[in-house]
Amino acid sequence: MTPESLSSPTIYRQLTKLAIVGAFVLAIGALVAPERTWSNLLLVGFYLVTLGLGGALFISLNNVCGASWNICFRRIPEAFSGLLVPTGLALLGVLALRYQQYGWHHHGEGDAGTFWFKELWATPSSWMIRSVAYVVVWILLSRALVAVSRRQDKSGGVGLSILSRRLSAIFLIAYAITFSLASYDWILLLEPMWFSTIWGVYNFAGMVQATLAAMIVLTIFLRKRGPLRNVVTDEHLHDLGKLLLGFSCFWMYIWFSQYMLIWYTNIPEETFYYMARTQGSWGPLMVVNIVLNWVVPFFVLLPRPSKRNETIMVRIAFVVLIGRWVDLYLMIFPSTVGGSPLFGFLEIAGMALLIGVFGRLFFQSFAKAPPVPTGDPLLSESLHYHC
């Protein structure tokens, strides 16, 4: 099976062209507006890495829980995890371009005083070493998970399912520590004086929400195109819709918890982060963020028929994916570019690069194995799943 068998050659070539054009425009932008270009690259890199990491997380959670409903379309999150090698290395390159950006004294804070640990933590050399360690751990563990799945295609057996469950438990422990720290290191340290005790959880919610949305789009696409026809049913789609609805609410809960506590205590060291994002022209964008990531998914996906309707599910998934971009934009751009929100050729190029690279790498990874894990002993249960 080739990538062309999953999508028409025209679509496949368009994804490649989209990535090339986006990269070309950003290369020009690096000469004209380097800080803005770097901010777009950070957004795209973090978005792609979290989608890859989200695929490995989805597999691990289902393995540990002993869930069987997802097995028939498990190749999709496995293909997501395949993004981690190229996108993880690319993100490290983007971070290396501005690793001094994260240093404490780079921001003119002078003596760290009582914040001595944060100053020590933000030392550029140790920060870069940690960044490399995060990506290496994710790549090794995700590749191990996929490798066991591929072995099971050939030999079958319950023993490999048990091994997958154990590897998944290790991955979840490593993920919980490394992703929380990575989100602090790569995003929060753009504002070194700001504090948030649930920043890692907030980024986890956004990551899972976007991963589920991308899975829904591609599951429906592959069901229509053939590889997953008569494999994925409305029952599977319904459960993916319930998960997307649930994590949209969870994202909103964490967003409000963070905002409400900072607003209520009114400590200047905390409020300045939201002051910059709720005043002036940034304020409407914050409202758009909430509407895209929670209001629309919540009210549209509440009825049961909506979660079983392909058209509605795809549209809501795209809304959430755009909402994830807006969420990351609000995390990064006020800290790096400042002023007013900017949306022009560079941001469009960043979106083009994001879509092109993700689509190309996904189909390339998906085509490396049979579309259904036939060696899994619980496949039959998944194919006849009823929620």
Protein backbone atom coordinates (compact mmCIF):
# COMPACT_ATOMS: atom_id res chain seq x y z
CA MET A 1 0.00 0.00 0.00
CA THR A 2 1.30 3.42 -0.96
CA PRO A 3 0.34 6.90 0.20
CA GLU A 4 -1.29 7.43 -3.19
CA SER A 5 -3.69 4.57 -2.46
CA LEU A 6 -4.92 6.41 0.61
CA SER A 7 -5.54 9.70 -1.12
CA SER A 8 -5.54 10.73 -4.73
CA PRO A 9 -2.14 11.67 -6.18
CA THR A 10 -3.47 15.19 -6.64
CA ILE A 11 -4.21 15.64 -2.92
CA TYR A 12 -0.87 14.09 -1.98
CA ARG A 13 1.02 16.46 -4.29
CA GLN A 14 -0.98 19.39 -2.95
CA LEU A 15 0.09 18.58 0.60
CA THR A 16 3.72 18.52 -0.49
CA LYS A 17 3.38 21.80 -2.38
CA LEU A 18 1.60 23.36 0.59
CA ALA A 19 4.50 22.49 2.88
CA ILE A 20 7.11 23.75 0.40
CA VAL A 21 5.33 27.06 -0.21
CA GLY A 22 4.83 27.60 3.53
CA ALA A 23 8.50 26.89 4.24
CA PHE A 24 9.59 29.20 1.40
CA VAL A 25 7.50 32.13 2.64
CA LEU A 26 8.76 31.64 6.20
CA ALA A 27 12.35 31.54 4.91
CA ILE A 28 11.80 34.95 3.34
CA GLY A 29 10.08 36.12 6.51
CA ALA A 30 13.16 35.19 8.52
CA LEU A 31 14.98 37.99 6.73
CA VAL A 32 12.20 40.56 7.07
CA ALA A 33 10.67 39.78 10.48
CA PRO A 34 12.86 37.20 12.27
CA GLU A 35 11.08 37.30 15.65
CA ARG A 36 7.65 36.90 14.11
CA THR A 37 8.88 34.11 11.83
CA TRP A 38 10.47 32.28 14.75
CA SER A 39 7.22 32.60 16.72
CA ASN A 40 5.31 30.99 13.85
CA LEU A 41 7.86 28.18 13.62
CA LEU A 42 7.61 27.56 17.37
CA LEU A 43 3.83 27.41 17.10
CA VAL A 44 3.92 25.00 14.16
CA GLY A 45 6.63 22.83 15.72
CA PHE A 46 4.90 22.57 19.09
CA TYR A 47 1.55 21.87 17.41
CA LEU A 48 3.00 19.03 15.31
CA VAL A 49 4.97 17.48 18.18
CA THR A 50 1.92 17.49 20.45
CA LEU A 51 -0.15 15.78 17.75
CA GLY A 52 2.49 13.07 17.48
CA LEU A 53 2.73 12.77 21.23
CA GLY A 54 -1.05 12.73 21.48
CA GLY A 55 -1.20 9.69 19.22
CA ALA A 56 1.19 7.76 21.46
CA LEU A 57 -0.77 8.92 24.51
CA PHE A 58 -4.07 7.70 23.01
CA ILE A 59 -2.58 4.27 22.34
CA SER A 60 -1.05 4.02 25.81
CA LEU A 61 -4.20 5.04 27.66
CA ASN A 62 -6.29 2.48 25.81
CA ASN A 63 -3.68 -0.24 26.33
CA VAL A 64 -3.47 0.37 30.06
CA CYS A 65 -7.26 0.44 30.37
CA GLY A 66 -7.58 -2.78 28.38
CA ALA A 67 -9.94 -1.05 25.94
CA SER A 68 -10.72 -2.83 22.69
CA TRP A 69 -13.04 -0.39 20.91
CA ASN A 70 -10.16 1.56 19.34
CA ILE A 71 -8.14 -1.34 17.94
CA CYS A 72 -9.70 -1.31 14.47
CA PHE A 73 -8.47 2.25 13.83
CA ARG A 74 -5.33 2.10 15.99
CA ARG A 75 -3.16 2.61 12.92
CA ILE A 76 -4.25 6.26 12.89
CA PRO A 77 -2.78 7.23 16.30
CA GLU A 78 0.21 5.00 15.50
CA ALA A 79 0.78 7.07 12.37
CA PHE A 80 0.49 10.20 14.51
CA SER A 81 3.29 8.95 16.74
CA GLY A 82 5.41 8.48 13.63
CA LEU A 83 5.51 12.28 13.33
CA LEU A 84 7.66 12.56 16.45
CA VAL A 85 11.01 11.84 14.82
CA PRO A 86 11.00 14.49 12.05
CA THR A 87 8.91 17.08 13.88
CA GLY A 88 10.71 16.58 17.20
CA LEU A 89 14.09 17.14 15.57
CA ALA A 90 12.74 20.13 13.66
CA LEU A 91 11.37 21.66 16.87
CA LEU A 92 14.74 21.22 18.56
CA GLY A 93 16.28 23.13 15.66
CA VAL A 94 13.75 25.94 16.08
CA LEU A 95 14.41 26.10 19.82
CA ALA A 96 18.17 26.14 19.27
CA LEU A 97 17.82 29.26 17.12
CA ARG A 98 16.52 31.22 20.10
CA TYR A 99 17.68 29.26 23.13
CA GLN A 100 19.00 32.49 24.65
CA GLN A 101 15.40 33.77 24.49
CA TYR A 102 14.61 31.62 27.51
CA GLY A 103 17.49 32.78 29.69
CA TRP A 104 16.58 34.72 32.82
CA HIS A 105 18.89 37.70 32.27
CA HIS A 106 17.89 37.89 28.63
CA HIS A 107 14.66 39.45 29.86
CA GLY A 108 16.45 42.08 31.91
CA GLU A 109 15.28 40.83 35.29
CA GLY A 110 18.68 41.33 36.92
CA ASP A 111 19.22 39.55 40.23
CA ALA A 112 16.76 36.69 40.57
CA GLY A 113 16.41 37.24 44.32
CA THR A 114 13.90 34.77 45.75
CA PHE A 115 13.44 33.32 42.26
CA TRP A 116 16.90 31.77 42.28
CA PHE A 117 15.59 28.32 41.32
CA LYS A 118 13.79 29.69 38.26
CA GLU A 119 16.98 31.49 37.23
CA LEU A 120 18.91 28.23 37.62
CA TRP A 121 16.24 26.28 35.75
CA ALA A 122 16.31 28.77 32.86
CA THR A 123 20.05 28.49 32.27
CA PRO A 124 20.25 28.10 28.46
CA SER A 125 22.62 25.12 28.48
CA SER A 126 20.60 23.02 30.95
CA TRP A 127 17.39 24.12 29.24
CA MET A 128 18.64 22.82 25.89
CA ILE A 129 19.84 19.53 27.39
CA ARG A 130 16.40 18.98 28.91
CA SER A 131 14.73 19.77 25.59
CA VAL A 132 16.79 17.13 23.80
CA ALA A 133 16.07 14.62 26.58
CA TYR A 134 12.29 15.16 26.30
CA VAL A 135 12.24 14.51 22.55
CA VAL A 136 14.55 11.49 22.78
CA VAL A 137 12.40 9.86 25.48
CA TRP A 138 9.22 10.43 23.49
CA ILE A 139 10.71 9.04 20.30
CA LEU A 140 12.17 5.92 21.92
CA LEU A 141 9.04 4.99 23.85
CA SER A 142 6.60 5.72 21.02
CA ARG A 143 8.68 3.73 18.54
CA ALA A 144 8.78 0.84 21.01
CA LEU A 145 4.98 0.87 21.26
CA VAL A 146 4.56 0.82 17.49
CA ALA A 147 7.26 -1.85 17.07
CA VAL A 148 5.37 -4.24 19.37
CA SER A 149 2.19 -3.61 17.38
CA ARG A 150 4.02 -4.45 14.14
CA ARG A 151 5.43 -7.65 15.66
CA GLN A 152 1.92 -8.65 16.67
CA ASP A 153 0.78 -8.33 13.04
CA LYS A 154 3.15 -11.15 12.14
CA SER A 155 2.96 -13.44 15.14
CA GLY A 156 -0.26 -12.52 16.97
CA GLY A 157 -0.71 -13.74 20.51
CA VAL A 158 -1.71 -12.30 23.86
CA GLY A 159 1.87 -12.02 25.10
CA LEU A 160 2.59 -9.00 22.93
CA SER A 161 -0.61 -7.32 24.16
CA ILE A 162 0.69 -7.70 27.71
CA LEU A 163 4.05 -6.26 26.64
CA SER A 164 2.25 -3.31 25.02
CA ARG A 165 0.38 -2.68 28.24
CA ARG A 166 3.60 -2.60 30.25
CA LEU A 167 5.32 -0.30 27.76
CA SER A 168 2.26 1.92 27.82
CA ALA A 169 2.44 2.23 31.60
CA ILE A 170 6.09 3.28 31.33
CA PHE A 171 5.21 5.76 28.60
CA LEU A 172 2.44 7.34 30.69
CA ILE A 173 4.75 7.87 33.66
CA ALA A 174 7.47 9.36 31.47
CA TYR A 175 4.94 11.45 29.57
CA ALA A 176 3.36 12.93 32.69
CA ILE A 177 6.74 14.22 33.85
CA THR A 178 8.38 15.23 30.60
CA PHE A 179 5.44 16.89 28.84
CA SER A 180 4.58 19.03 31.84
CA LEU A 181 8.20 20.19 32.08
CA ALA A 182 8.45 20.69 28.31
CA SER A 183 5.38 22.92 28.24
CA TYR A 184 6.94 25.01 31.01
CA ASP A 185 10.32 25.15 29.30
CA TRP A 186 9.17 25.91 25.76
CA ILE A 187 6.12 28.13 26.30
CA LEU A 188 5.83 29.44 29.85
CA LEU A 189 9.47 30.50 30.09
CA LEU A 190 8.79 33.02 27.34
CA GLU A 191 7.35 34.91 30.34
CA PRO A 192 9.95 33.98 32.99
CA MET A 193 8.32 36.01 35.77
CA TRP A 194 4.91 34.40 35.33
CA PHE A 195 3.62 31.51 37.44
CA SER A 196 1.02 28.82 36.86
CA THR A 197 0.76 25.57 38.80
CA ILE A 198 -1.57 23.93 36.23
CA TRP A 199 0.20 24.98 33.05
CA GLY A 200 1.13 21.40 32.22
CA VAL A 201 -2.46 20.20 32.72
CA TYR A 202 -3.75 23.04 30.57
CA ASN A 203 -1.44 22.10 27.70
CA PHE A 204 -2.34 18.43 28.18
CA ALA A 205 -6.03 19.28 27.72
CA GLY A 206 -5.35 21.26 24.55
CA MET A 207 -3.09 18.55 23.16
CA VAL A 208 -5.62 15.75 23.66
CA GLN A 209 -8.45 17.88 22.31
CA ALA A 210 -6.54 18.64 19.09
CA THR A 211 -5.38 15.03 18.74
CA LEU A 212 -8.95 13.74 18.97
CA ALA A 213 -10.11 16.31 16.43
CA ALA A 214 -7.38 15.31 13.97
CA MET A 215 -8.20 11.63 14.52
CA ILE A 216 -11.86 12.26 13.76
CA VAL A 217 -11.06 14.03 10.49
CA LEU A 218 -8.71 11.28 9.31
CA THR A 219 -10.88 8.41 10.53
CA ILE A 220 -13.81 9.70 8.51
CA PHE A 221 -11.56 10.41 5.52
CA LEU A 222 -10.10 6.90 5.54
CA ARG A 223 -13.53 5.36 6.04
CA LYS A 224 -14.79 7.13 2.92
CA ARG A 225 -11.65 6.49 0.85
CA GLY A 226 -11.52 2.76 1.45
CA PRO A 227 -8.82 1.53 3.88
CA LEU A 228 -11.21 1.68 6.85
CA ARG A 229 -14.49 1.18 5.01
CA ASN A 230 -16.68 -1.37 6.80
CA VAL A 231 -14.17 -1.25 9.65
CA VAL A 232 -14.94 1.98 11.48
CA THR A 233 -18.63 2.28 12.35
CA ASP A 234 -20.87 4.99 13.72
CA GLU A 235 -20.31 3.43 17.15
CA HIS A 236 -16.60 4.24 17.00
CA LEU A 237 -17.33 7.73 15.69
CA HIS A 238 -19.81 8.26 18.49
CA ASP A 239 -17.21 7.43 21.13
CA LEU A 240 -14.64 9.73 19.52
CA GLY A 241 -17.27 12.45 19.61
CA LYS A 242 -17.93 11.84 23.29
CA LEU A 243 -14.23 12.07 24.03
CA LEU A 244 -13.93 15.32 22.07
CA LEU A 245 -16.91 16.77 23.92
CA GLY A 246 -15.49 15.68 27.27
CA PHE A 247 -12.03 17.11 26.66
CA SER A 248 -13.51 20.36 25.35
CA CYS A 249 -15.25 20.72 28.70
CA PHE A 250 -12.07 19.70 30.52
CA TRP A 251 -10.07 22.31 28.59
CA MET A 252 -12.59 24.97 29.56
CA TYR A 253 -12.54 23.85 33.19
CA ILE A 254 -8.75 24.15 33.39
CA TRP A 255 -8.78 27.48 31.50
CA PHE A 256 -11.35 28.94 33.90
CA SER A 257 -9.60 27.51 36.97
CA GLN A 258 -6.36 29.20 35.98
CA TYR A 259 -7.97 32.49 35.02
CA MET A 260 -10.37 32.73 37.96
CA LEU A 261 -7.74 32.11 40.63
CA ILE A 262 -5.35 34.64 39.12
CA TRP A 263 -8.13 37.21 38.75
CA TYR A 264 -9.38 36.62 42.31
CA THR A 265 -6.01 36.86 44.07
CA ASN A 266 -4.97 39.85 41.90
CA ILE A 267 -1.21 39.41 42.41
CA PRO A 268 0.74 41.55 39.92
CA GLU A 269 3.26 38.76 39.28
CA GLU A 270 0.38 36.66 37.95
CA THR A 271 -2.16 39.09 36.51
CA PHE A 272 0.19 40.74 33.98
CA TYR A 273 -0.05 37.62 31.79
CA TYR A 274 -3.81 38.01 31.37
CA MET A 275 -3.72 41.79 31.33
CA ALA A 276 -1.67 41.63 28.14
CA ARG A 277 -4.11 39.15 26.58
CA THR A 278 -7.45 40.62 27.58
CA GLN A 279 -6.86 44.30 26.87
CA GLY A 280 -6.95 46.11 23.55
CA SER A 281 -7.13 44.07 20.36
CA TRP A 282 -6.05 40.88 22.13
CA GLY A 283 -9.30 40.72 24.11
CA PRO A 284 -11.58 39.63 21.24
CA LEU A 285 -9.07 36.93 20.30
CA MET A 286 -9.32 35.52 23.82
CA VAL A 287 -13.10 35.31 23.37
CA VAL A 288 -12.62 33.59 20.00
CA ASN A 289 -10.35 31.08 21.73
CA ILE A 290 -13.09 30.10 24.18
CA VAL A 291 -15.77 29.98 21.49
CA LEU A 292 -13.75 27.69 19.21
CA ASN A 293 -12.41 25.35 21.89
CA TRP A 294 -15.48 25.02 24.06
CA VAL A 295 -18.70 26.87 23.15
CA VAL A 296 -19.10 25.46 19.64
CA PRO A 297 -18.04 21.85 20.42
CA PHE A 298 -20.12 21.77 23.60
CA PHE A 299 -23.45 22.89 22.18
CA VAL A 300 -23.12 21.12 18.82
CA LEU A 301 -21.91 17.77 20.16
CA LEU A 302 -24.36 17.48 23.05
CA PRO A 303 -27.10 15.75 21.00
CA ARG A 304 -26.44 12.08 20.30
CA PRO A 305 -27.18 12.30 16.54
CA SER A 306 -24.47 14.96 16.10
CA LYS A 307 -21.78 12.57 17.26
CA ARG A 308 -22.88 10.01 14.66
CA ASN A 309 -23.05 12.43 11.75
CA GLU A 310 -19.87 12.54 9.65
CA THR A 311 -20.45 16.03 8.29
CA ILE A 312 -21.06 17.58 11.69
CA MET A 313 -18.15 15.75 13.27
CA VAL A 314 -15.69 16.86 10.59
CA ARG A 315 -16.80 20.48 10.84
CA ILE A 316 -16.52 20.53 14.63
CA ALA A 317 -13.14 18.82 14.44
CA PHE A 318 -11.86 21.55 12.11
CA VAL A 319 -13.23 24.19 14.48
CA VAL A 320 -11.29 22.62 17.35
CA LEU A 321 -8.10 22.37 15.28
CA ILE A 322 -8.35 26.07 14.44
CA GLY A 323 -9.06 26.75 18.10
CA ARG A 324 -5.87 24.94 19.08
CA TRP A 325 -3.92 27.21 16.73
CA VAL A 326 -5.53 30.29 18.30
CA ASP A 327 -4.77 28.96 21.80
CA LEU A 328 -1.09 28.46 20.98
CA TYR A 329 -0.99 31.84 19.24
CA LEU A 330 -2.21 33.50 22.45
CA MET A 331 0.40 31.63 24.47
CA ILE A 332 3.33 32.62 22.24
CA PHE A 333 2.82 35.83 20.29
CA PRO A 334 2.05 38.32 23.09
CA SER A 335 5.30 37.21 24.76
CA THR A 336 7.51 37.29 21.68
CA VAL A 337 6.01 39.84 19.28
CA GLY A 338 3.79 41.89 21.61
CA GLY A 339 1.83 44.90 20.44
CA SER A 340 -1.33 43.90 18.58
CA PRO A 341 -2.27 40.54 17.06
CA LEU A 342 -0.69 40.01 13.66
CA PHE A 343 -2.21 37.83 10.99
CA GLY A 344 -0.74 37.98 7.51
CA PHE A 345 1.34 36.06 5.02
CA LEU A 346 3.66 34.64 7.67
CA GLU A 347 0.82 33.21 9.75
CA ILE A 348 -0.88 31.81 6.64
CA ALA A 349 2.45 30.29 5.60
CA GLY A 350 2.77 28.75 9.06
CA MET A 351 -0.68 27.17 8.69
CA ALA A 352 0.22 25.89 5.23
CA LEU A 353 3.42 24.36 6.58
CA LEU A 354 1.51 22.78 9.47
CA ILE A 355 -1.15 21.19 7.25
CA GLY A 356 1.29 20.13 4.54
CA VAL A 357 3.84 18.53 6.85
CA PHE A 358 1.22 16.81 8.99
CA GLY A 359 -0.70 15.40 6.01
CA ARG A 360 2.41 14.22 4.18
CA LEU A 361 3.98 12.56 7.22
CA PHE A 362 0.72 10.99 8.33
CA PHE A 363 -0.04 9.26 5.03
CA GLN A 364 3.58 8.21 4.69
CA SER A 365 3.55 6.64 8.14
CA PHE A 366 0.08 5.09 7.76
CA ALA A 367 1.09 3.34 4.54
CA LYS A 368 3.95 1.43 6.20
CA ALA A 369 1.65 -1.20 7.74
CA PRO A 370 -1.69 -2.89 7.06
CA PRO A 371 -4.55 -0.47 7.83
CA VAL A 372 -5.94 -2.81 10.50
CA PRO A 373 -3.88 -4.59 13.22
CA THR A 374 -4.97 -8.09 12.26
CA GLY A 375 -2.72 -9.79 14.82
CA ASP A 376 -4.42 -8.25 17.86
CA PRO A 377 -6.58 -10.87 19.62
CA LEU A 378 -9.19 -8.22 20.50
CA LEU A 379 -9.69 -7.03 16.92
CA SER A 380 -12.92 -8.98 16.48
CA GLU A 381 -14.35 -7.38 19.61
CA SER A 382 -13.44 -3.96 18.23
CA LEU A 383 -15.04 -4.65 14.84
CA HIS A 384 -18.33 -5.62 16.51
CA TYR A 385 -18.23 -2.86 19.10
CA HIS A 386 -21.49 -1.30 20.32
CA CYS A 387 -21.58 1.62 22.72
